[in-house]
Amino acid sequence: MNNTARHIHFSNSLSARLNYVLRTLRSYEASILAGSGVIWTAIFAVPILGERLALHQIVGIAMMLVGFSLVQVRRGILK
């Protein structure tokens, strides 16, 4: 199997697993998982690609995490 075929197989396999996970989650859990993809991309780009996060990017990640936390707060209780 050449590299292109491996990449396509891996992508399809990963997509199928992610699809299964998203079908079994509640709607708010799926939205958090989908929304946090941007955060994970930025975090993994540091060690994998050698990227450096600027201050405004770190602040943006922090704001998204606060937003995700606020989604979980119901009647003053973190669930």
PDB file of N, CA and C in Angstrom:
ATOM      1  N   MET A   1       0.854  -1.173   0.000  1.00  0.00           N
ATOM      2  CA  MET A   1       0.000   0.000   0.000  1.00  0.00           C
ATOM      3  C   MET A   1       0.902   1.239   0.000  1.00  0.00           C
ATOM      4  N   ASN A   2       0.700   2.139  -0.944  1.00  0.00           N
ATOM      5  CA  ASN A   2       1.540   3.333  -1.008  1.00  0.00           C
ATOM      6  C   ASN A   2       1.077   4.379   0.014  1.00  0.00           C
ATOM      7  N   ASN A   3       1.835   5.459   0.135  1.00  0.00           N
ATOM      8  CA  ASN A   3       1.548   6.471   1.146  1.00  0.00           C
ATOM      9  C   ASN A   3       0.196   7.140   0.952  1.00  0.00           C
ATOM     10  N   THR A   4      -0.179   7.400  -0.294  1.00  0.00           N
ATOM     11  CA  THR A   4      -1.468   8.042  -0.552  1.00  0.00           C
ATOM     12  C   THR A   4      -2.611   7.142  -0.118  1.00  0.00           C
ATOM     13  N   ALA A   5      -2.519   5.875  -0.426  1.00  0.00           N
ATOM     14  CA  ALA A   5      -3.562   4.928  -0.031  1.00  0.00           C
ATOM     15  C   ALA A   5      -3.631   4.804   1.486  1.00  0.00           C
ATOM     16  N   ARG A   6      -2.495   4.795   2.157  1.00  0.00           N
ATOM     17  CA  ARG A   6      -2.472   4.735   3.624  1.00  0.00           C
ATOM     18  C   ARG A   6      -3.135   5.972   4.219  1.00  0.00           C
ATOM     19  N   HIS A   7      -2.802   7.133   3.645  1.00  0.00           N
ATOM     20  CA  HIS A   7      -3.371   8.376   4.140  1.00  0.00           C
ATOM     21  C   HIS A   7      -4.887   8.382   3.973  1.00  0.00           C
ATOM     22  N   ILE A   8      -5.371   7.946   2.817  1.00  0.00           N
ATOM     23  CA  ILE A   8      -6.811   7.896   2.569  1.00  0.00           C
ATOM     24  C   ILE A   8      -7.478   6.911   3.518  1.00  0.00           C
ATOM     25  N   HIS A   9      -6.868   5.740   3.711  1.00  0.00           N
ATOM     26  CA  HIS A   9      -7.417   4.737   4.622  1.00  0.00           C
ATOM     27  C   HIS A   9      -7.470   5.284   6.041  1.00  0.00           C
ATOM     28  N   PHE A  10      -6.399   5.944   6.493  1.00  0.00           N
ATOM     29  CA  PHE A  10      -6.362   6.510   7.833  1.00  0.00           C
ATOM     30  C   PHE A  10      -7.420   7.590   7.988  1.00  0.00           C
ATOM     31  N   SER A  11      -7.556   8.455   6.980  1.00  0.00           N
ATOM     32  CA  SER A  11      -8.539   9.538   7.036  1.00  0.00           C
ATOM     33  C   SER A  11      -9.954   8.984   7.102  1.00  0.00           C
ATOM     34  N   ASN A  12     -10.240   7.977   6.294  1.00  0.00           N
ATOM     35  CA  ASN A  12     -11.574   7.373   6.312  1.00  0.00           C
ATOM     36  C   ASN A  12     -11.855   6.691   7.636  1.00  0.00           C
ATOM     37  N   SER A  13     -10.871   6.003   8.171  1.00  0.00           N
ATOM     38  CA  SER A  13     -11.030   5.321   9.443  1.00  0.00           C
ATOM     39  C   SER A  13     -11.256   6.326  10.570  1.00  0.00           C
ATOM     40  N   LEU A  14     -10.472   7.375  10.577  1.00  0.00           N
ATOM     41  CA  LEU A  14     -10.617   8.410  11.601  1.00  0.00           C
ATOM     42  C   LEU A  14     -11.965   9.101  11.477  1.00  0.00           C
ATOM     43  N   SER A  15     -12.383   9.375  10.258  1.00  0.00           N
ATOM     44  CA  SER A  15     -13.673  10.025  10.020  1.00  0.00           C
ATOM     45  C   SER A  15     -14.820   9.144  10.504  1.00  0.00           C
ATOM     46  N   ALA A  16     -14.736   7.850  10.255  1.00  0.00           N
ATOM     47  CA  ALA A  16     -15.784   6.923  10.688  1.00  0.00           C
ATOM     48  C   ALA A  16     -15.853   6.865  12.211  1.00  0.00           C
ATOM     49  N   ARG A  17     -14.712   6.849  12.859  1.00  0.00           N
ATOM     50  CA  ARG A  17     -14.701   6.820  14.333  1.00  0.00           C
ATOM     51  C   ARG A  17     -15.255   8.112  14.917  1.00  0.00           C
ATOM     52  N   LEU A  18     -14.860   9.243  14.341  1.00  0.00           N
ATOM     53  CA  LEU A  18     -15.358  10.530  14.819  1.00  0.00           C
ATOM     54  C   LEU A  18     -16.868  10.624  14.594  1.00  0.00           C
ATOM     55  N   ASN A  19     -17.353  10.130  13.469  1.00  0.00           N
ATOM     56  CA  ASN A  19     -18.780  10.123  13.184  1.00  0.00           C
ATOM     57  C   ASN A  19     -19.527   9.308  14.231  1.00  0.00           C
ATOM     58  N   TYR A  20     -18.996   8.148  14.601  1.00  0.00           N
ATOM     59  CA  TYR A  20     -19.621   7.317  15.635  1.00  0.00           C
ATOM     60  C   TYR A  20     -19.666   8.039  16.967  1.00  0.00           C
ATOM     61  N   VAL A  21     -18.554   8.677  17.332  1.00  0.00           N
ATOM     62  CA  VAL A  21     -18.487   9.408  18.602  1.00  0.00           C
ATOM     63  C   VAL A  21     -19.500  10.539  18.611  1.00  0.00           C
ATOM     64  N   LEU A  22     -19.587  11.293  17.528  1.00  0.00           N
ATOM     65  CA  LEU A  22     -20.516  12.421  17.473  1.00  0.00           C
ATOM     66  C   LEU A  22     -21.973  11.968  17.527  1.00  0.00           C
ATOM     67  N   ARG A  23     -22.276  10.786  17.012  1.00  0.00           N
ATOM     68  CA  ARG A  23     -23.653  10.275  17.073  1.00  0.00           C
ATOM     69  C   ARG A  23     -24.039   9.840  18.471  1.00  0.00           C
ATOM     70  N   THR A  24     -23.068   9.463  19.307  1.00  0.00           N
ATOM     71  CA  THR A  24     -23.385   8.974  20.646  1.00  0.00           C
ATOM     72  C   THR A  24     -23.351  10.070  21.707  1.00  0.00           C
ATOM     73  N   LEU A  25     -22.899  11.262  21.353  1.00  0.00           N
ATOM     74  CA  LEU A  25     -22.833  12.356  22.307  1.00  0.00           C
ATOM     75  C   LEU A  25     -24.123  13.158  22.329  1.00  0.00           C
ATOM     76  N   ARG A  26     -24.347  13.836  23.457  1.00  0.00           N
ATOM     77  CA  ARG A  26     -25.442  14.798  23.513  1.00  0.00           C
ATOM     78  C   ARG A  26     -25.057  15.996  22.672  1.00  0.00           C
ATOM     79  N   SER A  27     -26.039  16.813  22.330  1.00  0.00           N
ATOM     80  CA  SER A  27     -25.786  17.925  21.408  1.00  0.00           C
ATOM     81  C   SER A  27     -24.765  18.911  21.962  1.00  0.00           C
ATOM     82  N   TYR A  28     -24.846  19.249  23.253  1.00  0.00           N
ATOM     83  CA  TYR A  28     -23.891  20.210  23.810  1.00  0.00           C
ATOM     84  C   TYR A  28     -22.491  19.607  23.887  1.00  0.00           C
ATOM     85  N   GLU A  29     -22.394  18.305  24.111  1.00  0.00           N
ATOM     86  CA  GLU A  29     -21.088  17.660  24.129  1.00  0.00           C
ATOM     87  C   GLU A  29     -20.463  17.648  22.735  1.00  0.00           C
ATOM     88  N   ALA A  30     -21.274  17.386  21.735  1.00  0.00           N
ATOM     89  CA  ALA A  30     -20.781  17.381  20.357  1.00  0.00           C
ATOM     90  C   ALA A  30     -20.330  18.774  19.934  1.00  0.00           C
ATOM     91  N   SER A  31     -21.061  19.811  20.359  1.00  0.00           N
ATOM     92  CA  SER A  31     -20.673  21.175  19.985  1.00  0.00           C
ATOM     93  C   SER A  31     -19.365  21.572  20.651  1.00  0.00           C
ATOM     94  N   ILE A  32     -19.159  21.131  21.885  1.00  0.00           N
ATOM     95  CA  ILE A  32     -17.889  21.414  22.566  1.00  0.00           C
ATOM     96  C   ILE A  32     -16.752  20.681  21.876  1.00  0.00           C
ATOM     97  N   LEU A  33     -16.976  19.431  21.521  1.00  0.00           N
ATOM     98  CA  LEU A  33     -15.934  18.664  20.829  1.00  0.00           C
ATOM     99  C   LEU A  33     -15.596  19.299  19.482  1.00  0.00           C
ATOM    100  N   ALA A  34     -16.611  19.681  18.739  1.00  0.00           N
ATOM    101  CA  ALA A  34     -16.376  20.287  17.429  1.00  0.00           C
ATOM    102  C   ALA A  34     -15.705  21.657  17.575  1.00  0.00           C
ATOM    103  N   GLY A  35     -16.152  22.442  18.536  1.00  0.00           N
ATOM    104  CA  GLY A  35     -15.578  23.773  18.740  1.00  0.00           C
ATOM    105  C   GLY A  35     -14.163  23.744  19.265  1.00  0.00           C
ATOM    106  N   SER A  36     -13.839  22.705  20.011  1.00  0.00           N
ATOM    107  CA  SER A  36     -12.496  22.627  20.582  1.00  0.00           C
ATOM    108  C   SER A  36     -11.453  22.152  19.577  1.00  0.00           C
ATOM    109  N   GLY A  37     -11.879  21.784  18.382  1.00  0.00           N
ATOM    110  CA  GLY A  37     -10.936  21.362  17.345  1.00  0.00           C
ATOM    111  C   GLY A  37      -9.928  22.448  17.016  1.00  0.00           C
ATOM    112  N   VAL A  38     -10.363  23.695  17.049  1.00  0.00           N
ATOM    113  CA  VAL A  38      -9.460  24.816  16.794  1.00  0.00           C
ATOM    114  C   VAL A  38      -8.370  24.878  17.866  1.00  0.00           C
ATOM    115  N   ILE A  39      -8.777  24.662  19.102  1.00  0.00           N
ATOM    116  CA  ILE A  39      -7.820  24.694  20.216  1.00  0.00           C
ATOM    117  C   ILE A  39      -6.806  23.568  20.066  1.00  0.00           C
ATOM    118  N   TRP A  40      -7.307  22.353  19.790  1.00  0.00           N
ATOM    119  CA  TRP A  40      -6.398  21.212  19.663  1.00  0.00           C
ATOM    120  C   TRP A  40      -5.442  21.382  18.492  1.00  0.00           C
ATOM    121  N   THR A  41      -5.931  21.963  17.416  1.00  0.00           N
ATOM    122  CA  THR A  41      -5.064  22.210  16.265  1.00  0.00           C
ATOM    123  C   THR A  41      -3.927  23.146  16.638  1.00  0.00           C
ATOM    124  N   ALA A  42      -4.242  24.220  17.342  1.00  0.00           N
ATOM    125  CA  ALA A  42      -3.216  25.180  17.758  1.00  0.00           C
ATOM    126  C   ALA A  42      -2.229  24.546  18.738  1.00  0.00           C
ATOM    127  N   ILE A  43      -2.740  23.770  19.679  1.00  0.00           N
ATOM    128  CA  ILE A  43      -1.870  23.147  20.688  1.00  0.00           C
ATOM    129  C   ILE A  43      -0.946  22.119  20.047  1.00  0.00           C
ATOM    130  N   PHE A  44      -1.485  21.272  19.163  1.00  0.00           N
ATOM    131  CA  PHE A  44      -0.659  20.248  18.527  1.00  0.00           C
ATOM    132  C   PHE A  44       0.303  20.820  17.491  1.00  0.00           C
ATOM    133  N   ALA A  45       0.020  22.013  16.977  1.00  0.00           N
ATOM    134  CA  ALA A  45       0.923  22.641  16.007  1.00  0.00           C
ATOM    135  C   ALA A  45       2.239  23.056  16.657  1.00  0.00           C
ATOM    136  N   VAL A  46       2.211  23.276  17.973  1.00  0.00           N
ATOM    137  CA  VAL A  46       3.443  23.690  18.665  1.00  0.00           C
ATOM    138  C   VAL A  46       4.495  22.574  18.621  1.00  0.00           C
ATOM    139  N   PRO A  47       4.212  21.371  19.149  1.00  0.00           N
ATOM    140  CA  PRO A  47       5.270  20.344  19.124  1.00  0.00           C
ATOM    141  C   PRO A  47       5.466  19.689  17.749  1.00  0.00           C
ATOM    142  N   ILE A  48       4.385  19.567  16.972  1.00  0.00           N
ATOM    143  CA  ILE A  48       4.499  18.846  15.709  1.00  0.00           C
ATOM    144  C   ILE A  48       5.117  19.701  14.607  1.00  0.00           C
ATOM    145  N   LEU A  49       4.650  20.935  14.480  1.00  0.00           N
ATOM    146  CA  LEU A  49       5.121  21.806  13.406  1.00  0.00           C
ATOM    147  C   LEU A  49       6.131  22.853  13.857  1.00  0.00           C
ATOM    148  N   GLY A  50       6.359  22.932  15.168  1.00  0.00           N
ATOM    149  CA  GLY A  50       7.297  23.919  15.687  1.00  0.00           C
ATOM    150  C   GLY A  50       6.739  25.343  15.683  1.00  0.00           C
ATOM    151  N   GLU A  51       5.426  25.476  15.644  1.00  0.00           N
ATOM    152  CA  GLU A  51       4.793  26.798  15.652  1.00  0.00           C
ATOM    153  C   GLU A  51       4.919  27.432  17.028  1.00  0.00           C
ATOM    154  N   ARG A  52       4.837  28.743  17.054  1.00  0.00           N
ATOM    155  CA  ARG A  52       4.799  29.482  18.317  1.00  0.00           C
ATOM    156  C   ARG A  52       3.475  30.209  18.391  1.00  0.00           C
ATOM    157  N   LEU A  53       2.830  30.113  19.553  1.00  0.00           N
ATOM    158  CA  LEU A  53       1.562  30.802  19.739  1.00  0.00           C
ATOM    159  C   LEU A  53       1.824  32.224  20.203  1.00  0.00           C
ATOM    160  N   ALA A  54       1.195  33.168  19.527  1.00  0.00           N
ATOM    161  CA  ALA A  54       1.299  34.571  19.916  1.00  0.00           C
ATOM    162  C   ALA A  54       0.369  34.826  21.103  1.00  0.00           C
ATOM    163  N   LEU A  55       0.575  35.952  21.755  1.00  0.00           N
ATOM    164  CA  LEU A  55      -0.228  36.289  22.931  1.00  0.00           C
ATOM    165  C   LEU A  55      -1.715  36.329  22.588  1.00  0.00           C
ATOM    166  N   HIS A  56      -2.078  36.929  21.457  1.00  0.00           N
ATOM    167  CA  HIS A  56      -3.495  37.019  21.107  1.00  0.00           C
ATOM    168  C   HIS A  56      -4.100  35.638  20.837  1.00  0.00           C
ATOM    169  N   GLN A  57      -3.296  34.689  20.372  1.00  0.00           N
ATOM    170  CA  GLN A  57      -3.787  33.333  20.159  1.00  0.00           C
ATOM    171  C   GLN A  57      -4.023  32.630  21.497  1.00  0.00           C
ATOM    172  N   ILE A  58      -3.118  32.823  22.434  1.00  0.00           N
ATOM    173  CA  ILE A  58      -3.275  32.236  23.768  1.00  0.00           C
ATOM    174  C   ILE A  58      -4.493  32.823  24.460  1.00  0.00           C
ATOM    175  N   VAL A  59      -4.683  34.129  24.327  1.00  0.00           N
ATOM    176  CA  VAL A  59      -5.863  34.783  24.911  1.00  0.00           C
ATOM    177  C   VAL A  59      -7.133  34.228  24.256  1.00  0.00           C
ATOM    178  N   GLY A  60      -7.117  34.025  22.957  1.00  0.00           N
ATOM    179  CA  GLY A  60      -8.268  33.452  22.255  1.00  0.00           C
ATOM    180  C   GLY A  60      -8.589  32.046  22.731  1.00  0.00           C
ATOM    181  N   ILE A  61      -7.560  31.236  22.934  1.00  0.00           N
ATOM    182  CA  ILE A  61      -7.763  29.878  23.458  1.00  0.00           C
ATOM    183  C   ILE A  61      -8.371  29.943  24.846  1.00  0.00           C
ATOM    184  N   ALA A  62      -7.850  30.835  25.685  1.00  0.00           N
ATOM    185  CA  ALA A  62      -8.381  30.988  27.043  1.00  0.00           C
ATOM    186  C   ALA A  62      -9.847  31.427  27.005  1.00  0.00           C
ATOM    187  N   MET A  63     -10.179  32.351  26.111  1.00  0.00           N
ATOM    188  CA  MET A  63     -11.568  32.808  26.002  1.00  0.00           C
ATOM    189  C   MET A  63     -12.495  31.676  25.549  1.00  0.00           C
ATOM    190  N   MET A  64     -12.018  30.846  24.641  1.00  0.00           N
ATOM    191  CA  MET A  64     -12.829  29.710  24.200  1.00  0.00           C
ATOM    192  C   MET A  64     -13.038  28.714  25.339  1.00  0.00           C
ATOM    193  N   LEU A  65     -11.994  28.480  26.133  1.00  0.00           N
ATOM    194  CA  LEU A  65     -12.129  27.567  27.273  1.00  0.00           C
ATOM    195  C   LEU A  65     -13.108  28.106  28.304  1.00  0.00           C
ATOM    196  N   VAL A  66     -13.068  29.414  28.541  1.00  0.00           N
ATOM    197  CA  VAL A  66     -14.040  30.033  29.455  1.00  0.00           C
ATOM    198  C   VAL A  66     -15.450  29.869  28.896  1.00  0.00           C
ATOM    199  N   GLY A  67     -15.603  30.081  27.588  1.00  0.00           N
ATOM    200  CA  GLY A  67     -16.912  29.900  26.952  1.00  0.00           C
ATOM    201  C   GLY A  67     -17.423  28.476  27.073  1.00  0.00           C
ATOM    202  N   PHE A  68     -16.548  27.509  26.851  1.00  0.00           N
ATOM    203  CA  PHE A  68     -16.948  26.107  27.010  1.00  0.00           C
ATOM    204  C   PHE A  68     -17.347  25.810  28.450  1.00  0.00           C
ATOM    205  N   SER A  69     -16.637  26.399  29.399  1.00  0.00           N
ATOM    206  CA  SER A  69     -16.973  26.196  30.816  1.00  0.00           C
ATOM    207  C   SER A  69     -18.330  26.809  31.140  1.00  0.00           C
ATOM    208  N   LEU A  70     -18.603  27.993  30.596  1.00  0.00           N
ATOM    209  CA  LEU A  70     -19.883  28.649  30.858  1.00  0.00           C
ATOM    210  C   LEU A  70     -21.056  27.866  30.278  1.00  0.00           C
ATOM    211  N   VAL A  71     -20.826  27.165  29.178  1.00  0.00           N
ATOM    212  CA  VAL A  71     -21.875  26.333  28.604  1.00  0.00           C
ATOM    213  C   VAL A  71     -22.274  25.234  29.590  1.00  0.00           C
ATOM    214  N   GLN A  72     -21.322  24.782  30.375  1.00  0.00           N
ATOM    215  CA  GLN A  72     -21.569  23.693  31.312  1.00  0.00           C
ATOM    216  C   GLN A  72     -22.256  24.143  32.597  1.00  0.00           C
ATOM    217  N   VAL A  73     -22.224  25.431  32.887  1.00  0.00           N
ATOM    218  CA  VAL A  73     -22.793  25.934  34.133  1.00  0.00           C
ATOM    219  C   VAL A  73     -24.306  26.032  33.979  1.00  0.00           C
ATOM    220  N   ARG A  74     -24.993  25.369  34.883  1.00  0.00           N
ATOM    221  CA  ARG A  74     -26.458  25.409  34.887  1.00  0.00           C
ATOM    222  C   ARG A  74     -26.910  25.708  36.302  1.00  0.00           C
ATOM    223  N   ARG A  75     -27.575  26.835  36.468  1.00  0.00           N
ATOM    224  CA  ARG A  75     -28.079  27.250  37.786  1.00  0.00           C
ATOM    225  C   ARG A  75     -26.979  27.306  38.815  1.00  0.00           C
ATOM    226  N   GLY A  76     -25.830  27.793  38.403  1.00  0.00           N
ATOM    227  CA  GLY A  76     -24.720  27.969  39.331  1.00  0.00           C
ATOM    228  C   GLY A  76     -23.954  26.713  39.667  1.00  0.00           C
ATOM    229  N   ILE A  77     -24.293  25.598  39.032  1.00  0.00           N
ATOM    230  CA  ILE A  77     -23.624  24.333  39.324  1.00  0.00           C
ATOM    231  C   ILE A  77     -22.896  23.879  38.074  1.00  0.00           C
ATOM    232  N   LEU A  78     -21.619  23.576  38.212  1.00  0.00           N
ATOM    233  CA  LEU A  78     -20.835  23.069  37.087  1.00  0.00           C
ATOM    234  C   LEU A  78     -21.143  21.592  36.915  1.00  0.00           C
ATOM    235  N   LYS A  79     -21.679  21.226  35.740  1.00  0.00           N
ATOM    236  CA  LYS A  79     -22.039  19.814  35.506  1.00  0.00           C
ATOM    237  C   LYS A  79     -21.070  19.189  34.546  1.00  0.00           C
TER     238      LYS A  79
END
